[in-house]
N, C-alpha and C. Protein backbone atom coordinates (compact mmCIF):
# COMPACT_ATOMS: atom_id res chain seq x y z
N MET A 1 0.85 -1.17 0.00
CA MET A 1 0.00 0.00 0.00
C MET A 1 0.90 1.24 0.00
N THR A 2 0.64 2.12 -0.94
CA THR A 2 1.47 3.32 -1.03
C THR A 2 0.96 4.39 -0.09
N LEU A 3 1.78 5.39 0.11
CA LEU A 3 1.40 6.53 0.95
C LEU A 3 0.19 7.26 0.35
N LEU A 4 0.17 7.36 -0.97
CA LEU A 4 -0.96 8.00 -1.65
C LEU A 4 -2.27 7.27 -1.36
N THR A 5 -2.22 5.96 -1.39
CA THR A 5 -3.41 5.16 -1.10
C THR A 5 -3.90 5.40 0.32
N VAL A 6 -3.00 5.43 1.27
CA VAL A 6 -3.38 5.59 2.67
C VAL A 6 -4.03 6.94 2.93
N PHE A 7 -3.46 8.00 2.39
CA PHE A 7 -3.94 9.35 2.71
C PHE A 7 -5.02 9.88 1.78
N VAL A 8 -5.10 9.35 0.57
CA VAL A 8 -6.06 9.89 -0.38
C VAL A 8 -7.27 8.97 -0.55
N PHE A 9 -7.05 7.70 -0.79
CA PHE A 9 -8.16 6.82 -1.14
C PHE A 9 -8.80 6.12 0.06
N LEU A 10 -8.05 5.78 1.07
CA LEU A 10 -8.58 5.05 2.20
C LEU A 10 -9.72 5.77 2.92
N PRO A 11 -9.62 7.08 3.17
CA PRO A 11 -10.74 7.77 3.83
C PRO A 11 -12.04 7.68 3.03
N PHE A 12 -11.95 7.72 1.69
CA PHE A 12 -13.14 7.62 0.87
C PHE A 12 -13.78 6.24 0.98
N VAL A 13 -12.94 5.21 1.02
CA VAL A 13 -13.44 3.84 1.14
C VAL A 13 -14.16 3.67 2.48
N VAL A 14 -13.59 4.18 3.54
CA VAL A 14 -14.19 4.04 4.86
C VAL A 14 -15.53 4.78 4.92
N LEU A 15 -15.59 5.98 4.38
CA LEU A 15 -16.85 6.73 4.36
C LEU A 15 -17.91 6.01 3.57
N ARG A 16 -17.54 5.45 2.45
CA ARG A 16 -18.50 4.72 1.62
C ARG A 16 -18.97 3.44 2.32
N MET A 17 -18.07 2.79 3.04
CA MET A 17 -18.42 1.56 3.72
C MET A 17 -19.50 1.83 4.78
N GLU A 18 -19.35 2.90 5.51
CA GLU A 18 -20.35 3.26 6.53
C GLU A 18 -21.69 3.56 5.86
N ALA A 19 -21.66 4.24 4.74
CA ALA A 19 -22.89 4.58 4.03
C ALA A 19 -23.56 3.34 3.48
N VAL A 20 -22.80 2.43 2.91
CA VAL A 20 -23.37 1.19 2.37
C VAL A 20 -23.97 0.35 3.50
N PHE A 21 -23.30 0.29 4.62
CA PHE A 21 -23.83 -0.46 5.76
C PHE A 21 -25.16 0.13 6.22
N ALA A 22 -25.23 1.45 6.29
CA ALA A 22 -26.48 2.12 6.67
C ALA A 22 -27.56 1.83 5.64
N TRP A 23 -27.22 1.88 4.37
CA TRP A 23 -28.19 1.61 3.31
C TRP A 23 -28.75 0.20 3.44
N CYS A 24 -27.89 -0.75 3.70
CA CYS A 24 -28.34 -2.15 3.84
C CYS A 24 -29.19 -2.36 5.09
N LYS A 25 -29.03 -1.50 6.08
CA LYS A 25 -29.86 -1.59 7.28
C LYS A 25 -31.23 -0.94 7.07
N GLY A 26 -31.43 -0.28 5.91
CA GLY A 26 -32.73 0.29 5.61
C GLY A 26 -32.85 1.79 5.83
N VAL A 27 -31.73 2.46 6.06
CA VAL A 27 -31.74 3.90 6.27
C VAL A 27 -32.13 4.59 4.96
N LYS A 28 -32.86 5.68 5.06
CA LYS A 28 -33.29 6.42 3.87
C LYS A 28 -32.10 7.03 3.15
N PHE A 29 -32.28 7.24 1.85
CA PHE A 29 -31.20 7.75 1.02
C PHE A 29 -30.68 9.10 1.51
N VAL A 30 -31.56 9.96 1.94
CA VAL A 30 -31.16 11.29 2.41
C VAL A 30 -30.19 11.17 3.58
N GLU A 31 -30.45 10.27 4.49
CA GLU A 31 -29.57 10.07 5.64
C GLU A 31 -28.25 9.43 5.23
N VAL A 32 -28.33 8.48 4.30
CA VAL A 32 -27.10 7.84 3.81
C VAL A 32 -26.23 8.87 3.11
N GLN A 33 -26.86 9.76 2.35
CA GLN A 33 -26.11 10.78 1.62
C GLN A 33 -25.34 11.70 2.57
N LYS A 34 -25.90 11.97 3.72
CA LYS A 34 -25.22 12.80 4.71
C LYS A 34 -23.94 12.14 5.22
N LEU A 35 -23.88 10.83 5.19
CA LEU A 35 -22.70 10.10 5.65
C LEU A 35 -21.54 10.16 4.65
N THR A 36 -21.86 10.40 3.39
CA THR A 36 -20.82 10.30 2.36
C THR A 36 -20.06 11.59 2.13
N GLY A 37 -20.73 12.72 2.15
CA GLY A 37 -20.08 13.98 1.82
C GLY A 37 -19.76 14.10 0.35
N SER A 38 -20.41 13.28 -0.49
CA SER A 38 -20.18 13.34 -1.94
C SER A 38 -21.49 13.68 -2.65
N PHE A 39 -21.41 13.79 -3.95
CA PHE A 39 -22.61 14.07 -4.73
C PHE A 39 -23.53 12.86 -4.73
N GLU A 40 -24.83 13.11 -4.91
CA GLU A 40 -25.82 12.04 -4.92
C GLU A 40 -25.53 11.01 -6.02
N GLY A 41 -25.13 11.51 -7.20
CA GLY A 41 -24.84 10.61 -8.31
C GLY A 41 -23.70 9.66 -8.00
N THR A 42 -22.72 10.14 -7.26
CA THR A 42 -21.59 9.28 -6.87
C THR A 42 -22.05 8.18 -5.93
N THR A 43 -22.92 8.52 -5.00
CA THR A 43 -23.45 7.52 -4.07
C THR A 43 -24.28 6.49 -4.81
N ILE A 44 -25.13 6.95 -5.72
CA ILE A 44 -25.96 6.03 -6.49
C ILE A 44 -25.09 5.11 -7.34
N ARG A 45 -24.11 5.69 -8.02
CA ARG A 45 -23.22 4.88 -8.86
C ARG A 45 -22.47 3.85 -8.01
N THR A 46 -22.02 4.24 -6.83
CA THR A 46 -21.31 3.32 -5.94
C THR A 46 -22.20 2.15 -5.54
N LEU A 47 -23.44 2.43 -5.16
CA LEU A 47 -24.36 1.37 -4.76
C LEU A 47 -24.70 0.46 -5.93
N ARG A 48 -24.90 1.02 -7.10
CA ARG A 48 -25.21 0.21 -8.29
C ARG A 48 -24.04 -0.69 -8.66
N ARG A 49 -22.83 -0.15 -8.62
CA ARG A 49 -21.65 -0.95 -8.95
C ARG A 49 -21.42 -2.04 -7.91
N LEU A 50 -21.66 -1.73 -6.65
CA LEU A 50 -21.52 -2.73 -5.60
C LEU A 50 -22.53 -3.86 -5.80
N GLU A 51 -23.77 -3.51 -6.14
CA GLU A 51 -24.79 -4.54 -6.36
C GLU A 51 -24.42 -5.42 -7.54
N GLU A 52 -23.85 -4.82 -8.58
CA GLU A 52 -23.40 -5.59 -9.74
C GLU A 52 -22.28 -6.56 -9.35
N LEU A 53 -21.35 -6.10 -8.53
CA LEU A 53 -20.26 -6.95 -8.05
C LEU A 53 -20.80 -8.11 -7.21
N VAL A 54 -21.73 -7.81 -6.33
CA VAL A 54 -22.32 -8.85 -5.48
C VAL A 54 -23.03 -9.90 -6.35
N ARG A 55 -23.72 -9.43 -7.39
CA ARG A 55 -24.41 -10.34 -8.30
C ARG A 55 -23.41 -11.24 -9.02
N GLN A 56 -22.28 -10.69 -9.46
CA GLN A 56 -21.25 -11.48 -10.14
C GLN A 56 -20.62 -12.51 -9.20
N ILE A 57 -20.41 -12.13 -7.96
CA ILE A 57 -19.86 -13.08 -6.99
C ILE A 57 -20.86 -14.20 -6.72
N LYS A 58 -22.14 -13.85 -6.70
CA LYS A 58 -23.18 -14.87 -6.52
C LYS A 58 -23.13 -15.89 -7.66
N VAL A 59 -22.96 -15.42 -8.88
CA VAL A 59 -22.86 -16.31 -10.04
C VAL A 59 -21.61 -17.19 -9.93
N ALA A 60 -20.51 -16.62 -9.46
CA ALA A 60 -19.28 -17.39 -9.27
C ALA A 60 -19.47 -18.47 -8.20
N ALA A 61 -20.17 -18.12 -7.13
CA ALA A 61 -20.44 -19.10 -6.06
C ALA A 61 -21.29 -20.24 -6.60
N LYS A 62 -22.24 -19.92 -7.45
CA LYS A 62 -23.07 -20.95 -8.06
C LYS A 62 -22.25 -21.86 -8.97
N ALA A 63 -21.32 -21.23 -9.70
CA ALA A 63 -20.47 -21.98 -10.63
C ALA A 63 -19.58 -22.99 -9.92
N ILE A 64 -19.12 -22.63 -8.72
CA ILE A 64 -18.25 -23.57 -7.98
C ILE A 64 -19.06 -24.50 -7.09
N GLY A 65 -20.38 -24.30 -7.05
CA GLY A 65 -21.23 -25.21 -6.30
C GLY A 65 -21.37 -24.89 -4.82
N ASP A 66 -21.05 -23.69 -4.41
CA ASP A 66 -21.17 -23.30 -3.01
C ASP A 66 -22.53 -22.64 -2.78
N ARG A 67 -23.51 -23.43 -2.46
CA ARG A 67 -24.89 -22.96 -2.33
C ARG A 67 -25.04 -21.96 -1.17
N ASP A 68 -24.37 -22.21 -0.05
CA ASP A 68 -24.46 -21.31 1.10
C ASP A 68 -23.96 -19.90 0.75
N LEU A 69 -22.84 -19.85 0.06
CA LEU A 69 -22.29 -18.56 -0.34
C LEU A 69 -23.21 -17.86 -1.35
N GLU A 70 -23.76 -18.64 -2.24
CA GLU A 70 -24.70 -18.09 -3.23
C GLU A 70 -25.91 -17.45 -2.55
N VAL A 71 -26.45 -18.13 -1.55
CA VAL A 71 -27.61 -17.61 -0.82
C VAL A 71 -27.25 -16.32 -0.07
N LYS A 72 -26.07 -16.29 0.54
CA LYS A 72 -25.64 -15.09 1.27
C LYS A 72 -25.52 -13.89 0.35
N PHE A 73 -24.94 -14.09 -0.82
CA PHE A 73 -24.80 -12.98 -1.74
C PHE A 73 -26.13 -12.57 -2.36
N GLU A 74 -27.03 -13.52 -2.51
CA GLU A 74 -28.39 -13.18 -2.98
C GLU A 74 -29.09 -12.29 -1.96
N GLU A 75 -28.97 -12.63 -0.69
CA GLU A 75 -29.55 -11.80 0.37
C GLU A 75 -28.90 -10.41 0.41
N GLY A 76 -27.59 -10.37 0.23
CA GLY A 76 -26.89 -9.09 0.19
C GLY A 76 -27.36 -8.22 -0.97
N SER A 77 -27.57 -8.83 -2.10
CA SER A 77 -28.06 -8.11 -3.27
C SER A 77 -29.44 -7.53 -3.01
N LYS A 78 -30.29 -8.28 -2.35
CA LYS A 78 -31.64 -7.79 -2.03
C LYS A 78 -31.59 -6.62 -1.06
N LEU A 79 -30.64 -6.63 -0.14
CA LEU A 79 -30.51 -5.53 0.81
C LEU A 79 -30.04 -4.24 0.12
N ILE A 80 -29.19 -4.39 -0.88
CA ILE A 80 -28.67 -3.22 -1.58
C ILE A 80 -29.68 -2.69 -2.59
N LYS A 81 -30.34 -3.58 -3.30
CA LYS A 81 -31.18 -3.18 -4.44
C LYS A 81 -32.57 -2.78 -3.98
N ARG A 82 -32.72 -1.51 -3.64
CA ARG A 82 -34.01 -1.00 -3.19
C ARG A 82 -34.11 0.50 -3.42
N ASP A 83 -35.32 1.00 -3.34
CA ASP A 83 -35.62 2.43 -3.27
C ASP A 83 -35.18 3.19 -4.52
N ILE A 84 -34.95 4.46 -4.36
CA ILE A 84 -34.69 5.38 -5.46
C ILE A 84 -33.40 5.07 -6.21
N VAL A 85 -32.47 4.44 -5.57
CA VAL A 85 -31.17 4.16 -6.18
C VAL A 85 -31.32 3.27 -7.42
N PHE A 86 -32.30 2.39 -7.41
CA PHE A 86 -32.44 1.45 -8.51
C PHE A 86 -33.68 1.72 -9.37
N CYS A 87 -34.19 2.93 -9.32
CA CYS A 87 -35.26 3.33 -10.24
C CYS A 87 -34.66 3.47 -11.64
N ASN A 88 -35.44 3.11 -12.66
CA ASN A 88 -34.96 3.26 -14.02
C ASN A 88 -34.75 4.72 -14.39
N SER A 89 -35.64 5.57 -13.89
CA SER A 89 -35.53 6.99 -14.21
C SER A 89 -36.13 7.80 -13.06
N LEU A 90 -35.53 8.94 -12.80
CA LEU A 90 -36.09 9.84 -11.81
C LEU A 90 -37.11 10.77 -12.43
N TYR A 91 -37.22 10.73 -13.75
CA TYR A 91 -38.15 11.59 -14.48
C TYR A 91 -39.35 10.77 -14.92
N LEU A 92 -40.25 10.52 -14.00
CA LEU A 92 -41.43 9.70 -14.31
C LEU A 92 -42.61 10.55 -14.70
């Protein structure tokens, strides 16, 4: 880990982790957004990309035959994929 990583990127990862944890616990988007200190679009993009990663890991778990891991990632995906973050459009 470089010095740049420690001082520049690590704080962002920690802030996002707290926000994602709150989101998975069912906290409203407005409250989660207050935890990040970033733009709304960045938070939405982060949650969408995380859900995509979780879905890919679920497929990998299925491919290797680990049903328990597959179920855990399916549950994780359901916790992330909710509310305004996963609407097709905000202009309805």
